[in-house]
């Protein structure tokens, strides 16, 4: 794929799925509408998948978006370790804290 398309996609995901989700503090949510609302069309849209977030963060770093990649990974890390207290029981997925 052309480099500019890759960077455009990663920057869009960062802005919508990371920064507009939970104040940018929980990693990347699976589904986000173009207007910045969480997609609720699927039961998995409002989830954060830990492995996918780390893969996304690694791709960002590989493509030169180092700050964005570490910020994305940090949100996931802090949620699992500090907020959920699941250091050695990493969940496959989680949702925004306080959200039904």
PDB file of N, CA and C in Angstrom:
ATOM      1  N   UNK A   1       0.842  -1.183   0.000  1.00  0.00           N
ATOM      2  CA  UNK A   1       0.000   0.000   0.000  1.00  0.00           C
ATOM      3  C   UNK A   1       0.885   1.243   0.000  1.00  0.00           C
ATOM      4  N   UNK A   2       0.401   2.318  -0.599  1.00  0.00           N
ATOM      5  CA  UNK A   2       1.177   3.559  -0.574  1.00  0.00           C
ATOM      6  C   UNK A   2       1.351   4.067   0.864  1.00  0.00           C
ATOM      7  N   UNK A   3       2.543   4.526   1.186  1.00  0.00           N
ATOM      8  CA  UNK A   3       2.888   4.991   2.539  1.00  0.00           C
ATOM      9  C   UNK A   3       1.910   6.056   3.038  1.00  0.00           C
ATOM     10  N   UNK A   4       1.519   6.982   2.154  1.00  0.00           N
ATOM     11  CA  UNK A   4       0.615   8.051   2.603  1.00  0.00           C
ATOM     12  C   UNK A   4      -0.763   7.503   2.989  1.00  0.00           C
ATOM     13  N   UNK A   5      -1.197   6.415   2.360  1.00  0.00           N
ATOM     14  CA  UNK A   5      -2.479   5.799   2.715  1.00  0.00           C
ATOM     15  C   UNK A   5      -2.384   5.120   4.082  1.00  0.00           C
ATOM     16  N   UNK A   6      -1.259   4.452   4.316  1.00  0.00           N
ATOM     17  CA  UNK A   6      -1.047   3.786   5.607  1.00  0.00           C
ATOM     18  C   UNK A   6      -1.052   4.815   6.726  1.00  0.00           C
ATOM     19  N   UNK A   7      -0.290   5.883   6.549  1.00  0.00           N
ATOM     20  CA  UNK A   7      -0.216   6.919   7.581  1.00  0.00           C
ATOM     21  C   UNK A   7      -1.552   7.602   7.791  1.00  0.00           C
ATOM     22  N   UNK A   8      -2.283   7.846   6.721  1.00  0.00           N
ATOM     23  CA  UNK A   8      -3.601   8.462   6.830  1.00  0.00           C
ATOM     24  C   UNK A   8      -4.552   7.578   7.637  1.00  0.00           C
ATOM     25  N   UNK A   9      -4.545   6.286   7.344  1.00  0.00           N
ATOM     26  CA  UNK A   9      -5.409   5.349   8.071  1.00  0.00           C
ATOM     27  C   UNK A   9      -5.033   5.288   9.549  1.00  0.00           C
ATOM     28  N   UNK A  10      -3.743   5.181   9.835  1.00  0.00           N
ATOM     29  CA  UNK A  10      -3.297   5.097  11.228  1.00  0.00           C
ATOM     30  C   UNK A  10      -3.610   6.379  11.996  1.00  0.00           C
ATOM     31  N   UNK A  11      -3.428   7.523  11.370  1.00  0.00           N
ATOM     32  CA  UNK A  11      -3.733   8.802  12.028  1.00  0.00           C
ATOM     33  C   UNK A  11      -5.232   8.939  12.290  1.00  0.00           C
ATOM     34  N   UNK A  12      -6.054   8.474  11.349  1.00  0.00           N
ATOM     35  CA  UNK A  12      -7.503   8.514  11.539  1.00  0.00           C
ATOM     36  C   UNK A  12      -7.919   7.612  12.687  1.00  0.00           C
ATOM     37  N   UNK A  13      -7.378   6.416  12.737  1.00  0.00           N
ATOM     38  CA  UNK A  13      -7.681   5.487  13.836  1.00  0.00           C
ATOM     39  C   UNK A  13      -7.253   6.106  15.164  1.00  0.00           C
ATOM     40  N   UNK A  14      -6.077   6.713  15.189  1.00  0.00           N
ATOM     41  CA  UNK A  14      -5.596   7.328  16.426  1.00  0.00           C
ATOM     42  C   UNK A  14      -6.535   8.444  16.882  1.00  0.00           C
ATOM     43  N   UNK A  15      -6.909   9.307  15.965  1.00  0.00           N
ATOM     44  CA  UNK A  15      -7.769  10.441  16.325  1.00  0.00           C
ATOM     45  C   UNK A  15      -9.170   9.997  16.753  1.00  0.00           C
ATOM     46  N   UNK A  16      -9.755   9.035  16.045  1.00  0.00           N
ATOM     47  CA  UNK A  16     -11.121   8.608  16.361  1.00  0.00           C
ATOM     48  C   UNK A  16     -11.164   7.520  17.432  1.00  0.00           C
ATOM     49  N   UNK A  17     -10.485   6.418  17.207  1.00  0.00           N
ATOM     50  CA  UNK A  17     -10.624   5.240  18.065  1.00  0.00           C
ATOM     51  C   UNK A  17      -9.816   5.316  19.356  1.00  0.00           C
ATOM     52  N   UNK A  18      -8.789   6.148  19.386  1.00  0.00           N
ATOM     53  CA  UNK A  18      -7.987   6.296  20.603  1.00  0.00           C
ATOM     54  C   UNK A  18      -8.353   7.594  21.327  1.00  0.00           C
ATOM     55  N   UNK A  19      -8.139   8.729  20.686  1.00  0.00           N
ATOM     56  CA  UNK A  19      -8.302  10.027  21.353  1.00  0.00           C
ATOM     57  C   UNK A  19      -9.750  10.347  21.722  1.00  0.00           C
ATOM     58  N   UNK A  20     -10.705   9.922  20.924  1.00  0.00           N
ATOM     59  CA  UNK A  20     -12.111  10.243  21.212  1.00  0.00           C
ATOM     60  C   UNK A  20     -12.795   9.179  22.061  1.00  0.00           C
ATOM     61  N   UNK A  21     -12.069   8.167  22.444  1.00  0.00           N
ATOM     62  CA  UNK A  21     -12.623   7.103  23.283  1.00  0.00           C
ATOM     63  C   UNK A  21     -12.066   7.249  24.700  1.00  0.00           C
ATOM     64  N   UNK A  22     -12.946   7.426  25.658  1.00  0.00           N
ATOM     65  CA  UNK A  22     -12.567   7.491  27.077  1.00  0.00           C
ATOM     66  C   UNK A  22     -11.469   8.524  27.332  1.00  0.00           C
ATOM     67  N   UNK A  23     -11.518   9.623  26.642  1.00  0.00           N
ATOM     68  CA  UNK A  23     -10.529  10.673  26.835  1.00  0.00           C
ATOM     69  C   UNK A  23      -9.129  10.301  26.382  1.00  0.00           C
ATOM     70  N   UNK A  24      -9.033   9.284  25.548  1.00  0.00           N
ATOM     71  CA  UNK A  24      -7.735   8.860  25.038  1.00  0.00           C
ATOM     72  C   UNK A  24      -6.902   8.084  26.034  1.00  0.00           C
ATOM     73  N   UNK A  25      -7.549   7.524  27.063  1.00  0.00           N
ATOM     74  CA  UNK A  25      -6.802   6.880  28.150  1.00  0.00           C
ATOM     75  C   UNK A  25      -6.934   5.365  28.228  1.00  0.00           C
ATOM     76  N   UNK A  26      -7.646   4.736  27.276  1.00  0.00           N
ATOM     77  CA  UNK A  26      -7.901   3.294  27.407  1.00  0.00           C
ATOM     78  C   UNK A  26      -7.481   2.462  26.200  1.00  0.00           C
ATOM     79  N   UNK A  27      -6.741   3.002  25.280  1.00  0.00           N
ATOM     80  CA  UNK A  27      -6.394   2.256  24.072  1.00  0.00           C
ATOM     81  C   UNK A  27      -7.388   2.563  22.966  1.00  0.00           C
ATOM     82  N   UNK A  28      -7.469   1.676  21.986  1.00  0.00           N
ATOM     83  CA  UNK A  28      -8.325   1.903  20.811  1.00  0.00           C
ATOM     84  C   UNK A  28      -9.590   1.051  20.875  1.00  0.00           C
ATOM     85  N   UNK A  29     -10.729   1.704  20.815  1.00  0.00           N
ATOM     86  CA  UNK A  29     -12.006   0.999  20.773  1.00  0.00           C
ATOM     87  C   UNK A  29     -12.178   0.390  19.374  1.00  0.00           C
ATOM     88  N   UNK A  30     -12.860  -0.740  19.294  1.00  0.00           N
ATOM     89  CA  UNK A  30     -13.041  -1.426  18.009  1.00  0.00           C
ATOM     90  C   UNK A  30     -13.793  -0.607  16.976  1.00  0.00           C
ATOM     91  N   UNK A  31     -14.906  -0.010  17.374  1.00  0.00           N
ATOM     92  CA  UNK A  31     -15.754   0.663  16.388  1.00  0.00           C
ATOM     93  C   UNK A  31     -16.042   2.101  16.757  1.00  0.00           C
ATOM     94  N   UNK A  32     -15.771   2.992  15.826  1.00  0.00           N
ATOM     95  CA  UNK A  32     -16.056   4.408  16.036  1.00  0.00           C
ATOM     96  C   UNK A  32     -16.669   4.959  14.761  1.00  0.00           C
ATOM     97  N   UNK A  33     -17.743   5.691  14.896  1.00  0.00           N
ATOM     98  CA  UNK A  33     -18.410   6.311  13.751  1.00  0.00           C
ATOM     99  C   UNK A  33     -17.590   7.526  13.304  1.00  0.00           C
ATOM    100  N   UNK A  34     -17.720   7.931  12.042  1.00  0.00           N
ATOM    101  CA  UNK A  34     -16.969   9.091  11.545  1.00  0.00           C
ATOM    102  C   UNK A  34     -17.235  10.382  12.318  1.00  0.00           C
ATOM    103  N   UNK A  35     -18.404  10.450  12.988  1.00  0.00           N
ATOM    104  CA  UNK A  35     -18.718  11.664  13.757  1.00  0.00           C
ATOM    105  C   UNK A  35     -18.173  11.612  15.186  1.00  0.00           C
ATOM    106  N   UNK A  36     -17.430  10.550  15.513  1.00  0.00           N
ATOM    107  CA  UNK A  36     -16.810  10.460  16.826  1.00  0.00           C
ATOM    108  C   UNK A  36     -17.632   9.753  17.884  1.00  0.00           C
ATOM    109  N   UNK A  37     -18.756   9.159  17.493  1.00  0.00           N
ATOM    110  CA  UNK A  37     -19.566   8.371  18.431  1.00  0.00           C
ATOM    111  C   UNK A  37     -19.158   6.909  18.329  1.00  0.00           C
ATOM    112  N   UNK A  38     -19.186   6.210  19.460  1.00  0.00           N
ATOM    113  CA  UNK A  38     -18.888   4.782  19.448  1.00  0.00           C
ATOM    114  C   UNK A  38     -19.951   4.064  18.638  1.00  0.00           C
ATOM    115  N   UNK A  39     -19.510   3.179  17.768  1.00  0.00           N
ATOM    116  CA  UNK A  39     -20.419   2.378  16.948  1.00  0.00           C
ATOM    117  C   UNK A  39     -21.080   1.331  17.844  1.00  0.00           C
ATOM    118  N   UNK A  40     -22.398   1.305  17.853  1.00  0.00           N
ATOM    119  CA  UNK A  40     -23.125   0.335  18.687  1.00  0.00           C
ATOM    120  C   UNK A  40     -23.866  -0.692  17.837  1.00  0.00           C
ATOM    121  N   UNK A  41     -23.479  -0.830  16.576  1.00  0.00           N
ATOM    122  CA  UNK A  41     -24.178  -1.754  15.684  1.00  0.00           C
ATOM    123  C   UNK A  41     -23.807  -3.207  15.925  1.00  0.00           C
ATOM    124  N   UNK A  42     -22.797  -3.450  16.728  1.00  0.00           N
ATOM    125  CA  UNK A  42     -22.340  -4.802  17.028  1.00  0.00           C
ATOM    126  C   UNK A  42     -22.025  -4.880  18.516  1.00  0.00           C
ATOM    127  N   UNK A  43     -22.168  -6.051  19.094  1.00  0.00           N
ATOM    128  CA  UNK A  43     -21.861  -6.205  20.514  1.00  0.00           C
ATOM    129  C   UNK A  43     -20.371  -6.055  20.790  1.00  0.00           C
ATOM    130  N   UNK A  44     -19.542  -6.139  19.773  1.00  0.00           N
ATOM    131  CA  UNK A  44     -18.097  -6.022  19.962  1.00  0.00           C
ATOM    132  C   UNK A  44     -17.554  -4.648  19.575  1.00  0.00           C
ATOM    133  N   UNK A  45     -18.374  -3.794  19.044  1.00  0.00           N
ATOM    134  CA  UNK A  45     -17.918  -2.482  18.593  1.00  0.00           C
ATOM    135  C   UNK A  45     -17.395  -1.614  19.717  1.00  0.00           C
ATOM    136  N   UNK A  46     -18.016  -1.708  20.905  1.00  0.00           N
ATOM    137  CA  UNK A  46     -17.597  -0.842  22.014  1.00  0.00           C
ATOM    138  C   UNK A  46     -16.541  -1.483  22.898  1.00  0.00           C
ATOM    139  N   UNK A  47     -15.953  -2.579  22.430  1.00  0.00           N
ATOM    140  CA  UNK A  47     -14.905  -3.258  23.183  1.00  0.00           C
ATOM    141  C   UNK A  47     -13.515  -2.807  22.734  1.00  0.00           C
ATOM    142  N   UNK A  48     -12.565  -2.991  23.633  1.00  0.00           N
ATOM    143  CA  UNK A  48     -11.152  -2.818  23.322  1.00  0.00           C
ATOM    144  C   UNK A  48     -10.537  -4.212  23.389  1.00  0.00           C
ATOM    145  N   UNK A  49      -9.916  -4.640  22.316  1.00  0.00           N
ATOM    146  CA  UNK A  49      -9.269  -5.957  22.275  1.00  0.00           C
ATOM    147  C   UNK A  49      -7.779  -5.755  22.507  1.00  0.00           C
ATOM    148  N   UNK A  50      -7.290  -6.287  23.610  1.00  0.00           N
ATOM    149  CA  UNK A  50      -5.928  -6.033  24.055  1.00  0.00           C
ATOM    150  C   UNK A  50      -4.887  -6.377  22.982  1.00  0.00           C
ATOM    151  N   UNK A  51      -4.947  -7.561  22.421  1.00  0.00           N
ATOM    152  CA  UNK A  51      -3.970  -7.959  21.413  1.00  0.00           C
ATOM    153  C   UNK A  51      -4.007  -7.092  20.171  1.00  0.00           C
ATOM    154  N   UNK A  52      -5.196  -6.700  19.768  1.00  0.00           N
ATOM    155  CA  UNK A  52      -5.343  -5.841  18.591  1.00  0.00           C
ATOM    156  C   UNK A  52      -4.756  -4.459  18.869  1.00  0.00           C
ATOM    157  N   UNK A  53      -4.977  -3.947  20.074  1.00  0.00           N
ATOM    158  CA  UNK A  53      -4.430  -2.630  20.426  1.00  0.00           C
ATOM    159  C   UNK A  53      -2.906  -2.659  20.378  1.00  0.00           C
ATOM    160  N   UNK A  54      -2.300  -3.702  20.938  1.00  0.00           N
ATOM    161  CA  UNK A  54      -0.833  -3.775  20.918  1.00  0.00           C
ATOM    162  C   UNK A  54      -0.317  -3.951  19.494  1.00  0.00           C
ATOM    163  N   UNK A  55      -1.034  -4.695  18.664  1.00  0.00           N
ATOM    164  CA  UNK A  55      -0.656  -4.822  17.260  1.00  0.00           C
ATOM    165  C   UNK A  55      -0.769  -3.492  16.527  1.00  0.00           C
ATOM    166  N   UNK A  56      -1.836  -2.759  16.795  1.00  0.00           N
ATOM    167  CA  UNK A  56      -2.023  -1.426  16.210  1.00  0.00           C
ATOM    168  C   UNK A  56      -0.898  -0.494  16.648  1.00  0.00           C
ATOM    169  N   UNK A  57      -0.600  -0.502  17.938  1.00  0.00           N
ATOM    170  CA  UNK A  57       0.463   0.364  18.461  1.00  0.00           C
ATOM    171  C   UNK A  57       1.808   0.025  17.821  1.00  0.00           C
ATOM    172  N   UNK A  58       2.098  -1.255  17.661  1.00  0.00           N
ATOM    173  CA  UNK A  58       3.357  -1.676  17.030  1.00  0.00           C
ATOM    174  C   UNK A  58       3.417  -1.210  15.578  1.00  0.00           C
ATOM    175  N   UNK A  59       2.294  -1.285  14.885  1.00  0.00           N
ATOM    176  CA  UNK A  59       2.253  -0.824  13.491  1.00  0.00           C
ATOM    177  C   UNK A  59       2.482   0.678  13.423  1.00  0.00           C
ATOM    178  N   UNK A  60       1.872   1.420  14.333  1.00  0.00           N
ATOM    179  CA  UNK A  60       2.092   2.869  14.371  1.00  0.00           C
ATOM    180  C   UNK A  60       3.574   3.177  14.560  1.00  0.00           C
ATOM    181  N   UNK A  61       4.195   2.512  15.510  1.00  0.00           N
ATOM    182  CA  UNK A  61       5.618   2.736  15.789  1.00  0.00           C
ATOM    183  C   UNK A  61       6.457   2.367  14.569  1.00  0.00           C
ATOM    184  N   UNK A  62       6.163   1.225  13.963  1.00  0.00           N
ATOM    185  CA  UNK A  62       6.897   0.783  12.769  1.00  0.00           C
ATOM    186  C   UNK A  62       6.796   1.804  11.640  1.00  0.00           C
ATOM    187  N   UNK A  63       5.645   2.462  11.534  1.00  0.00           N
ATOM    188  CA  UNK A  63       5.421   3.419  10.451  1.00  0.00           C
ATOM    189  C   UNK A  63       5.845   4.842  10.810  1.00  0.00           C
ATOM    190  N   UNK A  64       6.506   5.008  11.950  1.00  0.00           N
ATOM    191  CA  UNK A  64       7.041   6.315  12.314  1.00  0.00           C
ATOM    192  C   UNK A  64       6.160   7.148  13.216  1.00  0.00           C
ATOM    193  N   UNK A  65       5.009   6.638  13.592  1.00  0.00           N
ATOM    194  CA  UNK A  65       4.111   7.359  14.506  1.00  0.00           C
ATOM    195  C   UNK A  65       4.411   6.890  15.937  1.00  0.00           C
ATOM    196  N   UNK A  66       5.615   7.172  16.381  1.00  0.00           N
ATOM    197  CA  UNK A  66       6.114   6.645  17.652  1.00  0.00           C
ATOM    198  C   UNK A  66       5.309   7.161  18.838  1.00  0.00           C
ATOM    199  N   UNK A  67       5.099   8.462  18.917  1.00  0.00           N
ATOM    200  CA  UNK A  67       4.331   9.046  20.026  1.00  0.00           C
ATOM    201  C   UNK A  67       2.924   8.444  20.078  1.00  0.00           C
ATOM    202  N   UNK A  68       2.266   8.379  18.935  1.00  0.00           N
ATOM    203  CA  UNK A  68       0.911   7.848  18.858  1.00  0.00           C
ATOM    204  C   UNK A  68       0.876   6.362  19.254  1.00  0.00           C
ATOM    205  N   UNK A  69       1.856   5.611  18.796  1.00  0.00           N
ATOM    206  CA  UNK A  69       1.913   4.193  19.118  1.00  0.00           C
ATOM    207  C   UNK A  69       2.079   3.937  20.603  1.00  0.00           C
ATOM    208  N   UNK A  70       3.005   4.651  21.230  1.00  0.00           N
ATOM    209  CA  UNK A  70       3.198   4.460  22.666  1.00  0.00           C
ATOM    210  C   UNK A  70       2.016   4.980  23.473  1.00  0.00           C
ATOM    211  N   UNK A  71       1.382   6.040  23.030  1.00  0.00           N
ATOM    212  CA  UNK A  71       0.193   6.547  23.719  1.00  0.00           C
ATOM    213  C   UNK A  71      -0.955   5.539  23.634  1.00  0.00           C
ATOM    214  N   UNK A  72      -1.108   4.910  22.486  1.00  0.00           N
ATOM    215  CA  UNK A  72      -2.142   3.889  22.303  1.00  0.00           C
ATOM    216  C   UNK A  72      -1.885   2.697  23.216  1.00  0.00           C
ATOM    217  N   UNK A  73      -0.659   2.195  23.221  1.00  0.00           N
ATOM    218  CA  UNK A  73      -0.302   1.053  24.063  1.00  0.00           C
ATOM    219  C   UNK A  73      -0.401   1.393  25.546  1.00  0.00           C
ATOM    220  N   UNK A  74       0.001   2.607  25.912  1.00  0.00           N
ATOM    221  CA  UNK A  74      -0.043   3.010  27.315  1.00  0.00           C
ATOM    222  C   UNK A  74      -1.463   2.981  27.868  1.00  0.00           C
ATOM    223  N   UNK A  75      -2.429   3.435  27.079  1.00  0.00           N
ATOM    224  CA  UNK A  75      -3.815   3.412  27.533  1.00  0.00           C
ATOM    225  C   UNK A  75      -4.281   2.010  27.850  1.00  0.00           C
ATOM    226  N   UNK A  76      -3.926   1.080  27.006  1.00  0.00           N
ATOM    227  CA  UNK A  76      -4.293  -0.327  27.224  1.00  0.00           C
ATOM    228  C   UNK A  76      -3.572  -0.878  28.451  1.00  0.00           C
ATOM    229  N   UNK A  77      -2.276  -0.644  28.525  1.00  0.00           N
ATOM    230  CA  UNK A  77      -1.474  -1.115  29.661  1.00  0.00           C
ATOM    231  C   UNK A  77      -2.029  -0.591  30.975  1.00  0.00           C
ATOM    232  N   UNK A  78      -2.246   0.727  31.053  1.00  0.00           N
ATOM    233  CA  UNK A  78      -2.715   1.320  32.305  1.00  0.00           C
ATOM    234  C   UNK A  78      -4.120   0.832  32.688  1.00  0.00           C
ATOM    235  N   UNK A  79      -4.968   0.625  31.693  1.00  0.00           N
ATOM    236  CA  UNK A  79      -6.310   0.114  31.983  1.00  0.00           C
ATOM    237  C   UNK A  79      -6.238  -1.279  32.585  1.00  0.00           C
ATOM    238  N   UNK A  80      -5.485  -2.157  31.954  1.00  0.00           N
ATOM    239  CA  UNK A  80      -5.408  -3.551  32.422  1.00  0.00           C
ATOM    240  C   UNK A  80      -4.675  -3.654  33.762  1.00  0.00           C
ATOM    241  N   UNK A  81      -3.540  -3.018  33.884  1.00  0.00           N
ATOM    242  CA  UNK A  81      -2.720  -3.171  35.084  1.00  0.00           C
ATOM    243  C   UNK A  81      -3.194  -2.299  36.239  1.00  0.00           C
ATOM    244  N   UNK A  82      -3.462  -1.029  35.971  1.00  0.00           N
ATOM    245  CA  UNK A  82      -3.738  -0.105  37.067  1.00  0.00           C
ATOM    246  C   UNK A  82      -5.221   0.008  37.422  1.00  0.00           C
ATOM    247  N   UNK A  83      -6.096   0.049  36.417  1.00  0.00           N
ATOM    248  CA  UNK A  83      -7.517   0.273  36.682  1.00  0.00           C
ATOM    249  C   UNK A  83      -8.290  -1.026  36.913  1.00  0.00           C
ATOM    250  N   UNK A  84      -7.999  -2.054  36.136  1.00  0.00           N
ATOM    251  CA  UNK A  84      -8.702  -3.324  36.296  1.00  0.00           C
ATOM    252  C   UNK A  84      -7.974  -4.263  37.256  1.00  0.00           C
ATOM    253  N   UNK A  85      -6.693  -4.010  37.505  1.00  0.00           N
ATOM    254  CA  UNK A  85      -5.916  -4.854  38.421  1.00  0.00           C
ATOM    255  C   UNK A  85      -5.733  -6.272  37.924  1.00  0.00           C
ATOM    256  N   UNK A  86      -5.599  -6.435  36.624  1.00  0.00           N
ATOM    257  CA  UNK A  86      -5.497  -7.780  36.042  1.00  0.00           C
ATOM    258  C   UNK A  86      -4.104  -8.029  35.450  1.00  0.00           C
ATOM    259  N   UNK A  87      -3.086  -7.685  36.215  1.00  0.00           N
ATOM    260  CA  UNK A  87      -1.709  -7.753  35.728  1.00  0.00           C
ATOM    261  C   UNK A  87      -1.359  -9.096  35.100  1.00  0.00           C
ATOM    262  N   UNK A  88      -1.726 -10.170  35.721  1.00  0.00           N
ATOM    263  CA  UNK A  88      -1.367 -11.491  35.202  1.00  0.00           C
ATOM    264  C   UNK A  88      -2.586 -12.279  34.732  1.00  0.00           C
ATOM    265  N   UNK A  89      -3.673 -11.578  34.500  1.00  0.00           N
ATOM    266  CA  UNK A  89      -4.900 -12.174  33.978  1.00  0.00           C
ATOM    267  C   UNK A  89      -5.438 -11.279  32.877  1.00  0.00           C
ATOM    268  N   UNK A  90      -4.589 -10.906  31.946  1.00  0.00           N
ATOM    269  CA  UNK A  90      -4.970  -9.967  30.902  1.00  0.00           C
ATOM    270  C   UNK A  90      -6.237 -10.439  30.194  1.00  0.00           C
ATOM    271  N   UNK A  91      -7.264  -9.603  30.172  1.00  0.00           N
ATOM    272  CA  UNK A  91      -8.503 -10.007  29.502  1.00  0.00           C
ATOM    273  C   UNK A  91      -8.349  -9.935  27.988  1.00  0.00           C
ATOM    274  N   UNK A  92      -9.179 -10.664  27.307  1.00  0.00           N
ATOM    275  CA  UNK A  92      -9.192 -10.612  25.840  1.00  0.00           C
ATOM    276  C   UNK A  92      -9.776  -9.285  25.384  1.00  0.00           C
ATOM    277  N   UNK A  93     -10.723  -8.765  26.171  1.00  0.00           N
ATOM    278  CA  UNK A  93     -11.399  -7.516  25.810  1.00  0.00           C
ATOM    279  C   UNK A  93     -11.878  -6.818  27.063  1.00  0.00           C
ATOM    280  N   UNK A  94     -12.120  -5.507  26.951  1.00  0.00           N
ATOM    281  CA  UNK A  94     -12.756  -4.741  28.012  1.00  0.00           C
ATOM    282  C   UNK A  94     -13.505  -3.590  27.374  1.00  0.00           C
ATOM    283  N   UNK A  95     -14.401  -2.990  28.159  1.00  0.00           N
ATOM    284  CA  UNK A  95     -15.188  -1.838  27.696  1.00  0.00           C
ATOM    285  C   UNK A  95     -14.832  -0.630  28.543  1.00  0.00           C
ATOM    286  N   UNK A  96     -15.338   0.521  28.132  1.00  0.00           N
ATOM    287  CA  UNK A  96     -15.078   1.743  28.879  1.00  0.00           C
ATOM    288  C   UNK A  96     -15.576   1.604  30.305  1.00  0.00           C
ATOM    289  N   UNK A  97     -14.770   2.026  31.238  1.00  0.00           N
ATOM    290  CA  UNK A  97     -15.115   1.933  32.649  1.00  0.00           C
ATOM    291  C   UNK A  97     -16.328   2.829  32.918  1.00  0.00           C
ATOM    292  N   UNK A  98     -17.307   2.265  33.645  1.00  0.00           N
ATOM    293  CA  UNK A  98     -18.491   3.025  33.990  1.00  0.00           C
ATOM    294  C   UNK A  98     -19.540   3.064  32.902  1.00  0.00           C
ATOM    295  N   UNK A  99     -19.294   2.376  31.826  1.00  0.00           N
ATOM    296  CA  UNK A  99     -20.238   2.377  30.712  1.00  0.00           C
ATOM    297  C   UNK A  99     -21.040   1.086  30.738  1.00  0.00           C
ATOM    298  N   UNK A 100     -22.343   1.195  30.614  1.00  0.00           N
ATOM    299  CA  UNK A 100     -23.197   0.002  30.676  1.00  0.00           C
ATOM    300  C   UNK A 100     -23.112  -0.779  29.384  1.00  0.00           C
TER     301      UNK A 100
END
